[in-house]
Amino acid sequence: SLGEAGISLGISIIGGFAVGILTAFVNRWLQTLLLSVRAS
């Protein structure tokens, strides 16, 4: 199904961007937290 393949590709790309942004933000937040409590 061409339609299902297109939807699958769109979800895969958009979801990948969202997860990458989320984990990078969490990683940066953890770095800032450790630095603020002088545990880094």
ModelCIF file with pLDDT and N, C-alpha, C, O atoms, coordinates in Angstrom:
data_MODEL
#
_entry.id   MODEL 
#
_entity.id                         1 
_entity.type                       polymer 
_entity.pdbx_number_of_molecules   1 
#
_entity_poly.entity_id                      1 
_entity_poly.type                           'polypeptide(L)' 
_entity_poly.nstd_linkage                   no 
_entity_poly.nstd_monomer                   no 
_entity_poly.pdbx_seq_one_letter_code       SLGEAGISLGISIIGGFAVGILTAFVNRWLQTLLLSVRAS 
_entity_poly.pdbx_seq_one_letter_code_can   SLGEAGISLGISIIGGFAVGILTAFVNRWLQTLLLSVRAS 
_entity_poly.pdbx_strand_id                 A 
#
loop_
_entity_poly_seq.entity_id 
_entity_poly_seq.num 
_entity_poly_seq.mon_id 
_entity_poly_seq.hetero 
1 1  SER n 
1 2  LEU n 
1 3  GLY n 
1 4  GLU n 
1 5  ALA n 
1 6  GLY n 
1 7  ILE n 
1 8  SER n 
1 9  LEU n 
1 10 GLY n 
1 11 ILE n 
1 12 SER n 
1 13 ILE n 
1 14 ILE n 
1 15 GLY n 
1 16 GLY n 
1 17 PHE n 
1 18 ALA n 
1 19 VAL n 
1 20 GLY n 
1 21 ILE n 
1 22 LEU n 
1 23 THR n 
1 24 ALA n 
1 25 PHE n 
1 26 VAL n 
1 27 ASN n 
1 28 ARG n 
1 29 TRP n 
1 30 LEU n 
1 31 GLN n 
1 32 THR n 
1 33 LEU n 
1 34 LEU n 
1 35 LEU n 
1 36 SER n 
1 37 VAL n 
1 38 ARG n 
1 39 ALA n 
1 40 SER n 
#
_struct_asym.id          A 
_struct_asym.entity_id   1 
#
loop_
_ma_qa_metric.id 
_ma_qa_metric.mode 
_ma_qa_metric.name 
_ma_qa_metric.software_group_id 
_ma_qa_metric.type 
1 global pLDDT . pLDDT 
2 local  pLDDT . pLDDT 
#
_ma_qa_metric_global.metric_id      1 
_ma_qa_metric_global.metric_value   83.35 
_ma_qa_metric_global.model_id       1 
_ma_qa_metric_global.ordinal_id     1 
#
loop_
_ma_qa_metric_local.label_asym_id 
_ma_qa_metric_local.label_comp_id 
_ma_qa_metric_local.label_seq_id 
_ma_qa_metric_local.metric_id 
_ma_qa_metric_local.metric_value 
_ma_qa_metric_local.model_id 
_ma_qa_metric_local.ordinal_id 
A SER 1  2 69.00 1 1  
A LEU 2  2 66.00 1 2  
A GLY 3  2 71.00 1 3  
A GLU 4  2 72.00 1 4  
A ALA 5  2 70.00 1 5  
A GLY 6  2 72.00 1 6  
A ILE 7  2 81.00 1 7  
A SER 8  2 77.00 1 8  
A LEU 9  2 76.00 1 9  
A GLY 10 2 81.00 1 10 
A ILE 11 2 87.00 1 11 
A SER 12 2 84.00 1 12 
A ILE 13 2 83.00 1 13 
A ILE 14 2 89.00 1 14 
A GLY 15 2 91.00 1 15 
A GLY 16 2 89.00 1 16 
A PHE 17 2 91.00 1 17 
A ALA 18 2 94.00 1 18 
A VAL 19 2 95.00 1 19 
A GLY 20 2 93.00 1 20 
A ILE 21 2 93.00 1 21 
A LEU 22 2 95.00 1 22 
A THR 23 2 94.00 1 23 
A ALA 24 2 92.00 1 24 
A PHE 25 2 92.00 1 25 
A VAL 26 2 92.00 1 26 
A ASN 27 2 89.00 1 27 
A ARG 28 2 87.00 1 28 
A TRP 29 2 89.00 1 29 
A LEU 30 2 89.00 1 30 
A GLN 31 2 83.00 1 31 
A THR 32 2 83.00 1 32 
A LEU 33 2 86.00 1 33 
A LEU 34 2 82.00 1 34 
A LEU 35 2 78.00 1 35 
A SER 36 2 79.00 1 36 
A VAL 37 2 77.00 1 37 
A ARG 38 2 76.00 1 38 
A ALA 39 2 73.00 1 39 
A SER 40 2 74.00 1 40 
#
loop_
_atom_site.group_PDB 
_atom_site.id 
_atom_site.type_symbol 
_atom_site.label_atom_id 
_atom_site.label_alt_id 
_atom_site.label_comp_id 
_atom_site.label_asym_id 
_atom_site.label_entity_id 
_atom_site.label_seq_id 
_atom_site.pdbx_PDB_ins_code 
_atom_site.Cartn_x 
_atom_site.Cartn_y 
_atom_site.Cartn_z 
_atom_site.occupancy 
_atom_site.B_iso_or_equiv 
_atom_site.pdbx_formal_charge 
_atom_site.auth_seq_id 
_atom_site.auth_comp_id 
_atom_site.auth_asym_id 
_atom_site.auth_atom_id 
_atom_site.pdbx_PDB_model_num 
ATOM 1   N N  . SER A 1 1  ? 0.848  -1.184 0.000  1.00 69.00 ? 1  SER A N  1 
ATOM 2   C CA . SER A 1 1  ? 0.000  0.000  0.000  1.00 69.00 ? 1  SER A CA 1 
ATOM 3   C C  . SER A 1 1  ? 0.885  1.236  0.000  1.00 69.00 ? 1  SER A C  1 
ATOM 4   O O  . SER A 1 1  ? 1.645  1.461  0.942  1.00 69.00 ? 1  SER A O  1 
ATOM 5   N N  . LEU A 1 2  ? 0.787  2.043  -1.066 1.00 66.00 ? 2  LEU A N  1 
ATOM 6   C CA . LEU A 1 2  ? 1.592  3.262  -1.165 1.00 66.00 ? 2  LEU A CA 1 
ATOM 7   C C  . LEU A 1 2  ? 1.202  4.255  -0.081 1.00 66.00 ? 2  LEU A C  1 
ATOM 8   O O  . LEU A 1 2  ? 2.066  4.926  0.484  1.00 66.00 ? 2  LEU A O  1 
ATOM 9   N N  . GLY A 1 3  ? -0.091 4.357  0.215  1.00 71.00 ? 3  GLY A N  1 
ATOM 10  C CA . GLY A 1 3  ? -0.544 5.284  1.251  1.00 71.00 ? 3  GLY A CA 1 
ATOM 11  C C  . GLY A 1 3  ? 0.005  4.916  2.620  1.00 71.00 ? 3  GLY A C  1 
ATOM 12  O O  . GLY A 1 3  ? 0.479  5.782  3.356  1.00 71.00 ? 3  GLY A O  1 
ATOM 13  N N  . GLU A 1 4  ? -0.058 3.624  2.965  1.00 72.00 ? 4  GLU A N  1 
ATOM 14  C CA . GLU A 1 4  ? 0.468  3.191  4.254  1.00 72.00 ? 4  GLU A CA 1 
ATOM 15  C C  . GLU A 1 4  ? 1.976  3.418  4.341  1.00 72.00 ? 4  GLU A C  1 
ATOM 16  O O  . GLU A 1 4  ? 2.502  3.783  5.392  1.00 72.00 ? 4  GLU A O  1 
ATOM 17  N N  . ALA A 1 5  ? 2.668  3.192  3.207  1.00 70.00 ? 5  ALA A N  1 
ATOM 18  C CA . ALA A 1 5  ? 4.112  3.412  3.207  1.00 70.00 ? 5  ALA A CA 1 
ATOM 19  C C  . ALA A 1 5  ? 4.441  4.888  3.422  1.00 70.00 ? 5  ALA A C  1 
ATOM 20  O O  . ALA A 1 5  ? 5.372  5.216  4.158  1.00 70.00 ? 5  ALA A O  1 
ATOM 21  N N  . GLY A 1 6  ? 3.675  5.783  2.778  1.00 72.00 ? 6  GLY A N  1 
ATOM 22  C CA . GLY A 1 6  ? 3.900  7.215  2.953  1.00 72.00 ? 6  GLY A CA 1 
ATOM 23  C C  . GLY A 1 6  ? 3.622  7.661  4.374  1.00 72.00 ? 6  GLY A C  1 
ATOM 24  O O  . GLY A 1 6  ? 4.383  8.441  4.946  1.00 72.00 ? 6  GLY A O  1 
ATOM 25  N N  . ILE A 1 7  ? 2.525  7.166  4.951  1.00 81.00 ? 7  ILE A N  1 
ATOM 26  C CA . ILE A 1 7  ? 2.199  7.519  6.345  1.00 81.00 ? 7  ILE A CA 1 
ATOM 27  C C  . ILE A 1 7  ? 3.269  6.998  7.292  1.00 81.00 ? 7  ILE A C  1 
ATOM 28  O O  . ILE A 1 7  ? 3.677  7.693  8.222  1.00 81.00 ? 7  ILE A O  1 
ATOM 29  N N  . SER A 1 8  ? 3.720  5.777  7.053  1.00 77.00 ? 8  SER A N  1 
ATOM 30  C CA . SER A 1 8  ? 4.762  5.188  7.897  1.00 77.00 ? 8  SER A CA 1 
ATOM 31  C C  . SER A 1 8  ? 6.045  6.003  7.837  1.00 77.00 ? 8  SER A C  1 
ATOM 32  O O  . SER A 1 8  ? 6.696  6.214  8.860  1.00 77.00 ? 8  SER A O  1 
ATOM 33  N N  . LEU A 1 9  ? 6.413  6.464  6.638  1.00 76.00 ? 9  LEU A N  1 
ATOM 34  C CA . LEU A 1 9  ? 7.613  7.277  6.490  1.00 76.00 ? 9  LEU A CA 1 
ATOM 35  C C  . LEU A 1 9  ? 7.470  8.610  7.212  1.00 76.00 ? 9  LEU A C  1 
ATOM 36  O O  . LEU A 1 9  ? 8.397  9.051  7.891  1.00 76.00 ? 9  LEU A O  1 
ATOM 37  N N  . GLY A 1 10 ? 6.312  9.256  7.069  1.00 81.00 ? 10 GLY A N  1 
ATOM 38  C CA . GLY A 1 10 ? 6.093  10.540 7.734  1.00 81.00 ? 10 GLY A CA 1 
ATOM 39  C C  . GLY A 1 10 ? 6.141  10.419 9.249  1.00 81.00 ? 10 GLY A C  1 
ATOM 40  O O  . GLY A 1 10 ? 6.776  11.231 9.921  1.00 81.00 ? 10 GLY A O  1 
ATOM 41  N N  . ILE A 1 11 ? 5.469  9.401  9.786  1.00 87.00 ? 11 ILE A N  1 
ATOM 42  C CA . ILE A 1 11 ? 5.471  9.196  11.238 1.00 87.00 ? 11 ILE A CA 1 
ATOM 43  C C  . ILE A 1 11 ? 6.882  8.892  11.726 1.00 87.00 ? 11 ILE A C  1 
ATOM 44  O O  . ILE A 1 11 ? 7.306  9.385  12.771 1.00 87.00 ? 11 ILE A O  1 
ATOM 45  N N  . SER A 1 12 ? 7.609  8.071  10.958 1.00 84.00 ? 12 SER A N  1 
ATOM 46  C CA . SER A 1 12 ? 8.970  7.692  11.354 1.00 84.00 ? 12 SER A CA 1 
ATOM 47  C C  . SER A 1 12 ? 9.884  8.908  11.440 1.00 84.00 ? 12 SER A C  1 
ATOM 48  O O  . SER A 1 12 ? 10.663 9.037  12.385 1.00 84.00 ? 12 SER A O  1 
ATOM 49  N N  . ILE A 1 13 ? 9.788  9.803  10.450 1.00 83.00 ? 13 ILE A N  1 
ATOM 50  C CA . ILE A 1 13 ? 10.677 10.974 10.427 1.00 83.00 ? 13 ILE A CA 1 
ATOM 51  C C  . ILE A 1 13 ? 10.288 11.989 11.492 1.00 83.00 ? 13 ILE A C  1 
ATOM 52  O O  . ILE A 1 13 ? 11.137 12.454 12.252 1.00 83.00 ? 13 ILE A O  1 
ATOM 53  N N  . ILE A 1 14 ? 8.993  12.333 11.547 1.00 89.00 ? 14 ILE A N  1 
ATOM 54  C CA . ILE A 1 14 ? 8.542  13.334 12.525 1.00 89.00 ? 14 ILE A CA 1 
ATOM 55  C C  . ILE A 1 14 ? 8.778  12.834 13.948 1.00 89.00 ? 14 ILE A C  1 
ATOM 56  O O  . ILE A 1 14 ? 9.250  13.580 14.806 1.00 89.00 ? 14 ILE A O  1 
ATOM 57  N N  . GLY A 1 15 ? 8.446  11.566 14.190 1.00 91.00 ? 15 GLY A N  1 
ATOM 58  C CA . GLY A 1 15 ? 8.674  10.990 15.512 1.00 91.00 ? 15 GLY A CA 1 
ATOM 59  C C  . GLY A 1 15 ? 10.150 10.963 15.875 1.00 91.00 ? 15 GLY A C  1 
ATOM 60  O O  . GLY A 1 15 ? 10.511 11.219 17.023 1.00 91.00 ? 15 GLY A O  1 
ATOM 61  N N  . GLY A 1 16 ? 11.018 10.652 14.891 1.00 89.00 ? 16 GLY A N  1 
ATOM 62  C CA . GLY A 1 16 ? 12.449 10.651 15.152 1.00 89.00 ? 16 GLY A CA 1 
ATOM 63  C C  . GLY A 1 16 ? 12.959 12.025 15.542 1.00 89.00 ? 16 GLY A C  1 
ATOM 64  O O  . GLY A 1 16 ? 13.765 12.158 16.464 1.00 89.00 ? 16 GLY A O  1 
ATOM 65  N N  . PHE A 1 17 ? 12.483 13.062 14.829 1.00 91.00 ? 17 PHE A N  1 
ATOM 66  C CA . PHE A 1 17 ? 12.866 14.432 15.186 1.00 91.00 ? 17 PHE A CA 1 
ATOM 67  C C  . PHE A 1 17 ? 12.417 14.763 16.609 1.00 91.00 ? 17 PHE A C  1 
ATOM 68  O O  . PHE A 1 17 ? 13.175 15.355 17.377 1.00 91.00 ? 17 PHE A O  1 
ATOM 69  N N  . ALA A 1 18 ? 11.201 14.387 16.959 1.00 94.00 ? 18 ALA A N  1 
ATOM 70  C CA . ALA A 1 18 ? 10.669 14.710 18.286 1.00 94.00 ? 18 ALA A CA 1 
ATOM 71  C C  . ALA A 1 18 ? 11.467 14.012 19.384 1.00 94.00 ? 18 ALA A C  1 
ATOM 72  O O  . ALA A 1 18 ? 11.799 14.627 20.397 1.00 94.00 ? 18 ALA A O  1 
ATOM 73  N N  . VAL A 1 19 ? 11.774 12.739 19.187 1.00 95.00 ? 19 VAL A N  1 
ATOM 74  C CA . VAL A 1 19 ? 12.529 11.992 20.198 1.00 95.00 ? 19 VAL A CA 1 
ATOM 75  C C  . VAL A 1 19 ? 13.943 12.564 20.333 1.00 95.00 ? 19 VAL A C  1 
ATOM 76  O O  . VAL A 1 19 ? 14.446 12.702 21.448 1.00 95.00 ? 19 VAL A O  1 
ATOM 77  N N  . GLY A 1 20 ? 14.587 12.896 19.210 1.00 93.00 ? 20 GLY A N  1 
ATOM 78  C CA . GLY A 1 20 ? 15.928 13.472 19.270 1.00 93.00 ? 20 GLY A CA 1 
ATOM 79  C C  . GLY A 1 20 ? 15.957 14.787 20.028 1.00 93.00 ? 20 GLY A C  1 
ATOM 80  O O  . GLY A 1 20 ? 16.858 15.022 20.833 1.00 93.00 ? 20 GLY A O  1 
ATOM 81  N N  . ILE A 1 21 ? 14.981 15.643 19.777 1.00 93.00 ? 21 ILE A N  1 
ATOM 82  C CA . ILE A 1 21 ? 14.897 16.931 20.481 1.00 93.00 ? 21 ILE A CA 1 
ATOM 83  C C  . ILE A 1 21 ? 14.654 16.703 21.971 1.00 93.00 ? 21 ILE A C  1 
ATOM 84  O O  . ILE A 1 21 ? 15.256 17.367 22.815 1.00 93.00 ? 21 ILE A O  1 
ATOM 85  N N  . LEU A 1 22 ? 13.760 15.749 22.290 1.00 95.00 ? 22 LEU A N  1 
ATOM 86  C CA . LEU A 1 22 ? 13.431 15.476 23.690 1.00 95.00 ? 22 LEU A CA 1 
ATOM 87  C C  . LEU A 1 22 ? 14.637 14.963 24.465 1.00 95.00 ? 22 LEU A C  1 
ATOM 88  O O  . LEU A 1 22 ? 14.929 15.466 25.551 1.00 95.00 ? 22 LEU A O  1 
ATOM 89  N N  . THR A 1 23 ? 15.339 13.976 23.928 1.00 94.00 ? 23 THR A N  1 
ATOM 90  C CA . THR A 1 23 ? 16.464 13.398 24.669 1.00 94.00 ? 23 THR A CA 1 
ATOM 91  C C  . THR A 1 23 ? 17.625 14.389 24.779 1.00 94.00 ? 23 THR A C  1 
ATOM 92  O O  . THR A 1 23 ? 18.322 14.408 25.793 1.00 94.00 ? 23 THR A O  1 
ATOM 93  N N  . ALA A 1 24 ? 17.842 15.211 23.749 1.00 92.00 ? 24 ALA A N  1 
ATOM 94  C CA . ALA A 1 24 ? 18.894 16.231 23.837 1.00 92.00 ? 24 ALA A CA 1 
ATOM 95  C C  . ALA A 1 24 ? 18.550 17.254 24.914 1.00 92.00 ? 24 ALA A C  1 
ATOM 96  O O  . ALA A 1 24 ? 19.429 17.707 25.647 1.00 92.00 ? 24 ALA A O  1 
ATOM 97  N N  . PHE A 1 25 ? 17.260 17.620 25.012 1.00 92.00 ? 25 PHE A N  1 
ATOM 98  C CA . PHE A 1 25 ? 16.824 18.559 26.045 1.00 92.00 ? 25 PHE A CA 1 
ATOM 99  C C  . PHE A 1 25 ? 16.995 17.950 27.440 1.00 92.00 ? 25 PHE A C  1 
ATOM 100 O O  . PHE A 1 25 ? 17.476 18.618 28.355 1.00 92.00 ? 25 PHE A O  1 
ATOM 101 N N  . VAL A 1 26 ? 16.601 16.680 27.600 1.00 92.00 ? 26 VAL A N  1 
ATOM 102 C CA . VAL A 1 26 ? 16.743 16.014 28.900 1.00 92.00 ? 26 VAL A CA 1 
ATOM 103 C C  . VAL A 1 26 ? 18.216 15.905 29.286 1.00 92.00 ? 26 VAL A C  1 
ATOM 104 O O  . VAL A 1 26 ? 18.583 16.120 30.442 1.00 92.00 ? 26 VAL A O  1 
ATOM 105 N N  . ASN A 1 27 ? 19.061 15.568 28.301 1.00 89.00 ? 27 ASN A N  1 
ATOM 106 C CA . ASN A 1 27 ? 20.490 15.462 28.566 1.00 89.00 ? 27 ASN A CA 1 
ATOM 107 C C  . ASN A 1 27 ? 21.061 16.800 29.021 1.00 89.00 ? 27 ASN A C  1 
ATOM 108 O O  . ASN A 1 27 ? 21.855 16.857 29.960 1.00 89.00 ? 27 ASN A O  1 
ATOM 109 N N  . ARG A 1 28 ? 20.652 17.877 28.351 1.00 87.00 ? 28 ARG A N  1 
ATOM 110 C CA . ARG A 1 28 ? 21.134 19.202 28.722 1.00 87.00 ? 28 ARG A CA 1 
ATOM 111 C C  . ARG A 1 28 ? 20.605 19.612 30.097 1.00 87.00 ? 28 ARG A C  1 
ATOM 112 O O  . ARG A 1 28 ? 21.310 20.260 30.870 1.00 87.00 ? 28 ARG A O  1 
ATOM 113 N N  . TRP A 1 29 ? 19.371 19.234 30.395 1.00 89.00 ? 29 TRP A N  1 
ATOM 114 C CA . TRP A 1 29 ? 18.786 19.550 31.707 1.00 89.00 ? 29 TRP A CA 1 
ATOM 115 C C  . TRP A 1 29 ? 19.537 18.831 32.822 1.00 89.00 ? 29 TRP A C  1 
ATOM 116 O O  . TRP A 1 29 ? 19.789 19.411 33.878 1.00 89.00 ? 29 TRP A O  1 
ATOM 117 N N  . LEU A 1 30 ? 19.893 17.569 32.589 1.00 89.00 ? 30 LEU A N  1 
ATOM 118 C CA . LEU A 1 30 ? 20.653 16.819 33.589 1.00 89.00 ? 30 LEU A CA 1 
ATOM 119 C C  . LEU A 1 30 ? 22.029 17.435 33.812 1.00 89.00 ? 30 LEU A C  1 
ATOM 120 O O  . LEU A 1 30 ? 22.507 17.509 34.944 1.00 89.00 ? 30 LEU A O  1 
ATOM 121 N N  . GLN A 1 31 ? 22.660 17.875 32.729 1.00 83.00 ? 31 GLN A N  1 
ATOM 122 C CA . GLN A 1 31 ? 23.963 18.537 32.865 1.00 83.00 ? 31 GLN A CA 1 
ATOM 123 C C  . GLN A 1 31 ? 23.849 19.807 33.700 1.00 83.00 ? 31 GLN A C  1 
ATOM 124 O O  . GLN A 1 31 ? 24.676 20.062 34.575 1.00 83.00 ? 31 GLN A O  1 
ATOM 125 N N  . THR A 1 32 ? 22.816 20.600 33.422 1.00 83.00 ? 32 THR A N  1 
ATOM 126 C CA . THR A 1 32 ? 22.612 21.844 34.168 1.00 83.00 ? 32 THR A CA 1 
ATOM 127 C C  . THR A 1 32 ? 22.307 21.557 35.632 1.00 83.00 ? 32 THR A C  1 
ATOM 128 O O  . THR A 1 32 ? 22.787 22.264 36.518 1.00 83.00 ? 32 THR A O  1 
ATOM 129 N N  . LEU A 1 33 ? 21.506 20.515 35.890 1.00 86.00 ? 33 LEU A N  1 
ATOM 130 C CA . LEU A 1 33 ? 21.163 20.152 37.260 1.00 86.00 ? 33 LEU A CA 1 
ATOM 131 C C  . LEU A 1 33 ? 22.402 19.727 38.043 1.00 86.00 ? 33 LEU A C  1 
ATOM 132 O O  . LEU A 1 33 ? 22.603 20.178 39.171 1.00 86.00 ? 33 LEU A O  1 
ATOM 133 N N  . LEU A 1 34 ? 23.231 18.868 37.460 1.00 82.00 ? 34 LEU A N  1 
ATOM 134 C CA . LEU A 1 34 ? 24.449 18.421 38.137 1.00 82.00 ? 34 LEU A CA 1 
ATOM 135 C C  . LEU A 1 34 ? 25.396 19.590 38.386 1.00 82.00 ? 34 LEU A C  1 
ATOM 136 O O  . LEU A 1 34 ? 26.063 19.665 39.418 1.00 82.00 ? 34 LEU A O  1 
ATOM 137 N N  . LEU A 1 35 ? 25.438 20.501 37.411 1.00 78.00 ? 35 LEU A N  1 
ATOM 138 C CA . LEU A 1 35 ? 26.318 21.657 37.558 1.00 78.00 ? 35 LEU A CA 1 
ATOM 139 C C  . LEU A 1 35 ? 25.819 22.598 38.650 1.00 78.00 ? 35 LEU A C  1 
ATOM 140 O O  . LEU A 1 35 ? 26.616 23.180 39.386 1.00 78.00 ? 35 LEU A O  1 
ATOM 141 N N  . SER A 1 36 ? 24.489 22.747 38.753 1.00 79.00 ? 36 SER A N  1 
ATOM 142 C CA . SER A 1 36 ? 23.920 23.676 39.743 1.00 79.00 ? 36 SER A CA 1 
ATOM 143 C C  . SER A 1 36 ? 24.129 23.198 41.179 1.00 79.00 ? 36 SER A C  1 
ATOM 144 O O  . SER A 1 36 ? 24.252 24.008 42.098 1.00 79.00 ? 36 SER A O  1 
ATOM 145 N N  . VAL A 1 37 ? 24.168 21.866 41.365 1.00 77.00 ? 37 VAL A N  1 
ATOM 146 C CA . VAL A 1 37 ? 24.373 21.330 42.727 1.00 77.00 ? 37 VAL A CA 1 
ATOM 147 C C  . VAL A 1 37 ? 25.846 20.971 42.957 1.00 77.00 ? 37 VAL A C  1 
ATOM 148 O O  . VAL A 1 37 ? 26.196 20.351 43.961 1.00 77.00 ? 37 VAL A O  1 
ATOM 149 N N  . ARG A 1 38 ? 26.699 21.373 42.007 1.00 76.00 ? 38 ARG A N  1 
ATOM 150 C CA . ARG A 1 38 ? 28.135 21.145 42.084 1.00 76.00 ? 38 ARG A CA 1 
ATOM 151 C C  . ARG A 1 38 ? 28.472 19.658 42.215 1.00 76.00 ? 38 ARG A C  1 
ATOM 152 O O  . ARG A 1 38 ? 29.373 19.277 42.962 1.00 76.00 ? 38 ARG A O  1 
ATOM 153 N N  . ALA A 1 39 ? 27.732 18.826 41.477 1.00 73.00 ? 39 ALA A N  1 
ATOM 154 C CA . ALA A 1 39 ? 27.975 17.380 41.471 1.00 73.00 ? 39 ALA A CA 1 
ATOM 155 C C  . ALA A 1 39 ? 28.485 16.903 40.122 1.00 73.00 ? 39 ALA A C  1 
ATOM 156 O O  . ALA A 1 39 ? 28.528 15.703 39.850 1.00 73.00 ? 39 ALA A O  1 
ATOM 157 N N  . SER A 1 40 ? 28.871 17.853 39.280 1.00 74.00 ? 40 SER A N  1 
ATOM 158 C CA . SER A 1 40 ? 29.292 17.488 37.934 1.00 74.00 ? 40 SER A CA 1 
ATOM 159 C C  . SER A 1 40 ? 30.811 17.409 37.854 1.00 74.00 ? 40 SER A C  1 
ATOM 160 O O  . SER A 1 40 ? 31.359 17.113 36.792 1.00 74.00 ? 40 SER A O  1 
#
